Amino acid sequence: MEILEYLFPKDKYIFIMCGAGGYANFTKQMLVSLGWDKEKIYNVGGFWNYEGNHKISTINNHGSKTKYDFWKVNYHDINFDNLTEIKK
């Protein structure tokens, strides 16, 4: 629990992303079942389908074998200054 609370602070809004979105959904469900506020957790989907300027390809084809270089994706430190505020 100490590690989860460090990685996913309960007093912050949390945006979860994975390759396709499924593991992000499982993570959200787990956190909610452990006491996190579901209204503060957002599954933003998968980076595999992202087509923006900051797209990171994790697929590394070696002949007939496909390798996934997930180390290329920074999972924890997000520069929130680069995000666009949503106005209601």
N, C-alpha and C. Protein backbone atom coordinates (compact mmCIF):
# COMPACT_ATOMS: atom_id res chain seq x y z
N MET A 1 0.82 -1.20 0.00
CA MET A 1 0.00 0.00 0.00
C MET A 1 0.87 1.27 0.00
N GLU A 2 1.97 1.22 0.70
CA GLU A 2 2.85 2.39 0.75
C GLU A 2 3.36 2.75 -0.65
N ILE A 3 3.71 1.75 -1.43
CA ILE A 3 4.19 1.99 -2.80
C ILE A 3 3.06 2.52 -3.67
N LEU A 4 1.87 1.92 -3.55
CA LEU A 4 0.72 2.39 -4.35
C LEU A 4 0.39 3.84 -4.01
N GLU A 5 0.40 4.18 -2.73
CA GLU A 5 0.07 5.55 -2.34
C GLU A 5 1.15 6.54 -2.77
N TYR A 6 2.39 6.08 -2.91
CA TYR A 6 3.45 6.95 -3.44
C TYR A 6 3.25 7.18 -4.94
N LEU A 7 2.99 6.09 -5.68
CA LEU A 7 2.83 6.19 -7.13
C LEU A 7 1.51 6.83 -7.54
N PHE A 8 0.46 6.61 -6.74
CA PHE A 8 -0.88 7.12 -7.04
C PHE A 8 -1.42 7.87 -5.82
N PRO A 9 -0.97 9.11 -5.60
CA PRO A 9 -1.41 9.86 -4.41
C PRO A 9 -2.93 10.05 -4.39
N LYS A 10 -3.53 9.73 -3.27
CA LYS A 10 -4.99 9.80 -3.15
C LYS A 10 -5.53 11.22 -3.23
N ASP A 11 -4.69 12.22 -2.95
CA ASP A 11 -5.17 13.60 -2.96
C ASP A 11 -5.00 14.28 -4.33
N LYS A 12 -4.56 13.52 -5.35
CA LYS A 12 -4.34 14.07 -6.69
C LYS A 12 -5.27 13.42 -7.70
N TYR A 13 -5.44 14.08 -8.84
CA TYR A 13 -6.12 13.45 -9.96
C TYR A 13 -5.11 12.54 -10.65
N ILE A 14 -5.56 11.37 -11.05
CA ILE A 14 -4.67 10.36 -11.61
C ILE A 14 -5.11 10.03 -13.03
N PHE A 15 -4.17 10.08 -13.96
CA PHE A 15 -4.41 9.74 -15.36
C PHE A 15 -3.58 8.49 -15.68
N ILE A 16 -4.26 7.41 -16.04
CA ILE A 16 -3.59 6.14 -16.27
C ILE A 16 -3.62 5.80 -17.76
N MET A 17 -2.47 5.40 -18.27
CA MET A 17 -2.35 5.03 -19.68
C MET A 17 -1.50 3.77 -19.78
N CYS A 18 -1.83 2.92 -20.74
CA CYS A 18 -1.01 1.74 -21.03
C CYS A 18 -0.98 1.56 -22.55
N GLY A 19 -0.56 0.41 -23.00
CA GLY A 19 -0.47 0.18 -24.44
C GLY A 19 -1.79 0.32 -25.16
N ALA A 20 -2.80 -0.41 -24.72
CA ALA A 20 -4.10 -0.40 -25.39
C ALA A 20 -5.23 0.15 -24.54
N GLY A 21 -5.05 0.25 -23.24
CA GLY A 21 -6.08 0.78 -22.35
C GLY A 21 -6.63 -0.23 -21.37
N GLY A 22 -6.44 -1.52 -21.64
CA GLY A 22 -6.99 -2.57 -20.77
C GLY A 22 -6.34 -2.62 -19.40
N TYR A 23 -5.01 -2.60 -19.35
CA TYR A 23 -4.32 -2.64 -18.06
C TYR A 23 -4.58 -1.37 -17.26
N ALA A 24 -4.74 -0.25 -17.95
CA ALA A 24 -5.09 1.00 -17.25
C ALA A 24 -6.45 0.85 -16.57
N ASN A 25 -7.39 0.19 -17.25
CA ASN A 25 -8.71 -0.04 -16.66
C ASN A 25 -8.61 -0.96 -15.45
N PHE A 26 -7.82 -2.04 -15.56
CA PHE A 26 -7.64 -2.95 -14.42
C PHE A 26 -7.01 -2.22 -13.25
N THR A 27 -6.05 -1.34 -13.53
CA THR A 27 -5.39 -0.58 -12.47
C THR A 27 -6.38 0.35 -11.78
N LYS A 28 -7.21 1.03 -12.57
CA LYS A 28 -8.24 1.90 -11.98
C LYS A 28 -9.17 1.10 -11.09
N GLN A 29 -9.65 -0.05 -11.57
CA GLN A 29 -10.55 -0.88 -10.77
C GLN A 29 -9.90 -1.32 -9.47
N MET A 30 -8.61 -1.69 -9.54
CA MET A 30 -7.89 -2.12 -8.34
C MET A 30 -7.78 -0.98 -7.34
N LEU A 31 -7.39 0.22 -7.82
CA LEU A 31 -7.24 1.36 -6.92
C LEU A 31 -8.57 1.72 -6.27
N VAL A 32 -9.64 1.72 -7.03
CA VAL A 32 -10.96 2.04 -6.48
C VAL A 32 -11.35 1.01 -5.42
N SER A 33 -11.09 -0.27 -5.69
CA SER A 33 -11.44 -1.31 -4.72
C SER A 33 -10.61 -1.19 -3.44
N LEU A 34 -9.45 -0.52 -3.52
CA LEU A 34 -8.59 -0.31 -2.35
C LEU A 34 -8.84 1.03 -1.65
N GLY A 35 -9.82 1.79 -2.14
CA GLY A 35 -10.21 3.01 -1.43
C GLY A 35 -9.96 4.32 -2.14
N TRP A 36 -9.42 4.30 -3.35
CA TRP A 36 -9.22 5.54 -4.09
C TRP A 36 -10.56 6.05 -4.61
N ASP A 37 -10.68 7.35 -4.81
CA ASP A 37 -11.89 7.98 -5.32
C ASP A 37 -11.96 7.78 -6.83
N LYS A 38 -12.99 7.07 -7.30
CA LYS A 38 -13.11 6.77 -8.74
C LYS A 38 -13.29 8.03 -9.57
N GLU A 39 -13.77 9.11 -8.97
CA GLU A 39 -13.98 10.36 -9.70
C GLU A 39 -12.66 11.10 -9.96
N LYS A 40 -11.58 10.66 -9.32
CA LYS A 40 -10.28 11.30 -9.50
C LYS A 40 -9.33 10.47 -10.37
N ILE A 41 -9.81 9.34 -10.89
CA ILE A 41 -8.95 8.47 -11.70
C ILE A 41 -9.51 8.38 -13.11
N TYR A 42 -8.66 8.64 -14.08
CA TYR A 42 -9.07 8.62 -15.48
C TYR A 42 -8.23 7.64 -16.27
N ASN A 43 -8.90 6.75 -17.00
CA ASN A 43 -8.22 5.86 -17.94
C ASN A 43 -8.17 6.63 -19.26
N VAL A 44 -6.99 7.11 -19.63
CA VAL A 44 -6.87 7.91 -20.84
C VAL A 44 -6.57 7.05 -22.07
N GLY A 45 -6.64 5.75 -21.91
CA GLY A 45 -6.52 4.85 -23.06
C GLY A 45 -5.11 4.39 -23.31
N GLY A 46 -4.85 4.08 -24.56
CA GLY A 46 -3.57 3.47 -24.91
C GLY A 46 -2.70 4.35 -25.78
N PHE A 47 -1.39 4.26 -25.55
CA PHE A 47 -0.46 5.05 -26.35
C PHE A 47 -0.21 4.41 -27.71
N TRP A 48 -0.59 3.15 -27.92
CA TRP A 48 -0.39 2.52 -29.23
C TRP A 48 -1.18 3.23 -30.32
N ASN A 49 -2.32 3.82 -29.96
CA ASN A 49 -3.17 4.49 -30.94
C ASN A 49 -2.92 6.00 -31.01
N TYR A 50 -2.03 6.51 -30.20
CA TYR A 50 -1.75 7.94 -30.18
C TYR A 50 -1.04 8.35 -31.47
N GLU A 51 -1.50 9.43 -32.08
CA GLU A 51 -0.93 9.90 -33.34
C GLU A 51 -0.38 11.32 -33.25
N GLY A 52 -0.22 11.85 -32.04
CA GLY A 52 0.22 13.23 -31.87
C GLY A 52 1.71 13.43 -32.09
N ASN A 53 2.15 14.65 -31.86
CA ASN A 53 3.55 15.04 -32.09
C ASN A 53 4.54 14.31 -31.20
N HIS A 54 4.10 13.80 -30.06
CA HIS A 54 5.00 13.17 -29.10
C HIS A 54 4.85 11.65 -29.09
N LYS A 55 4.43 11.07 -30.21
CA LYS A 55 4.23 9.63 -30.30
C LYS A 55 5.56 8.90 -30.09
N ILE A 56 5.50 7.85 -29.29
CA ILE A 56 6.65 6.99 -29.02
C ILE A 56 6.31 5.60 -29.52
N SER A 57 7.10 5.08 -30.43
CA SER A 57 6.87 3.73 -30.92
C SER A 57 7.59 2.73 -30.03
N THR A 58 6.86 1.78 -29.50
CA THR A 58 7.45 0.74 -28.66
C THR A 58 7.68 -0.55 -29.44
N ILE A 59 7.21 -0.61 -30.67
CA ILE A 59 7.35 -1.82 -31.48
C ILE A 59 8.71 -1.81 -32.16
N ASN A 60 9.43 -2.88 -31.99
CA ASN A 60 10.77 -3.02 -32.54
C ASN A 60 10.81 -4.35 -33.29
N ASN A 61 10.72 -4.32 -34.61
CA ASN A 61 10.70 -5.54 -35.41
C ASN A 61 12.11 -6.02 -35.72
N HIS A 62 12.37 -7.27 -35.40
CA HIS A 62 13.65 -7.93 -35.69
C HIS A 62 13.36 -9.13 -36.57
N GLY A 63 13.38 -8.93 -37.88
CA GLY A 63 13.08 -10.04 -38.79
C GLY A 63 11.66 -10.53 -38.58
N SER A 64 11.51 -11.78 -38.20
CA SER A 64 10.18 -12.36 -38.00
C SER A 64 9.68 -12.19 -36.57
N LYS A 65 10.51 -11.65 -35.68
CA LYS A 65 10.13 -11.47 -34.27
C LYS A 65 9.82 -10.00 -33.99
N THR A 66 8.76 -9.79 -33.23
CA THR A 66 8.40 -8.45 -32.80
C THR A 66 8.73 -8.32 -31.32
N LYS A 67 9.45 -7.27 -30.99
CA LYS A 67 9.83 -6.99 -29.61
C LYS A 67 9.19 -5.66 -29.22
N TYR A 68 8.76 -5.54 -27.98
CA TYR A 68 8.16 -4.30 -27.50
C TYR A 68 9.12 -3.64 -26.51
N ASP A 69 9.55 -2.43 -26.83
CA ASP A 69 10.47 -1.68 -26.00
C ASP A 69 9.70 -0.73 -25.09
N PHE A 70 9.05 -1.28 -24.07
CA PHE A 70 8.23 -0.46 -23.19
C PHE A 70 9.06 0.49 -22.34
N TRP A 71 10.36 0.25 -22.24
CA TRP A 71 11.23 1.12 -21.48
C TRP A 71 11.27 2.53 -22.08
N LYS A 72 10.85 2.68 -23.33
CA LYS A 72 10.87 3.99 -23.98
C LYS A 72 9.80 4.92 -23.44
N VAL A 73 8.79 4.36 -22.78
CA VAL A 73 7.66 5.15 -22.28
C VAL A 73 7.90 5.48 -20.81
N ASN A 74 7.87 6.75 -20.47
CA ASN A 74 8.05 7.19 -19.10
C ASN A 74 6.71 7.07 -18.38
N TYR A 75 6.64 6.18 -17.42
CA TYR A 75 5.37 5.88 -16.77
C TYR A 75 5.06 6.71 -15.54
N HIS A 76 6.02 7.40 -14.99
CA HIS A 76 5.75 8.06 -13.72
C HIS A 76 5.87 9.57 -13.77
N ASP A 77 6.96 10.07 -14.26
CA ASP A 77 7.17 11.51 -14.23
C ASP A 77 6.56 12.16 -15.46
N ILE A 78 5.51 12.93 -15.24
CA ILE A 78 4.81 13.60 -16.32
C ILE A 78 4.98 15.11 -16.13
N ASN A 79 5.36 15.80 -17.17
CA ASN A 79 5.47 17.24 -17.10
C ASN A 79 4.08 17.84 -17.37
N PHE A 80 3.38 18.20 -16.32
CA PHE A 80 2.02 18.69 -16.46
C PHE A 80 1.95 20.08 -17.08
N ASP A 81 3.08 20.75 -17.22
CA ASP A 81 3.09 22.05 -17.89
C ASP A 81 2.78 21.90 -19.37
N ASN A 82 2.96 20.70 -19.93
CA ASN A 82 2.69 20.46 -21.34
C ASN A 82 1.24 20.09 -21.63
N LEU A 83 0.42 19.94 -20.59
CA LEU A 83 -0.97 19.56 -20.78
C LEU A 83 -1.83 20.80 -21.04
N THR A 84 -2.93 20.59 -21.73
CA THR A 84 -3.86 21.67 -22.02
C THR A 84 -5.02 21.62 -21.04
N GLU A 85 -5.30 22.75 -20.42
CA GLU A 85 -6.39 22.82 -19.47
C GLU A 85 -7.73 22.68 -20.20
N ILE A 86 -8.61 21.86 -19.66
CA ILE A 86 -9.95 21.69 -20.22
C ILE A 86 -10.88 22.68 -19.52
N LYS A 87 -11.50 23.53 -20.29
CA LYS A 87 -12.40 24.52 -19.74
C LYS A 87 -13.83 24.04 -19.88
N LYS A 88 -14.57 24.10 -18.80
CA LYS A 88 -15.96 23.62 -18.79
C LYS A 88 -16.90 24.73 -19.13
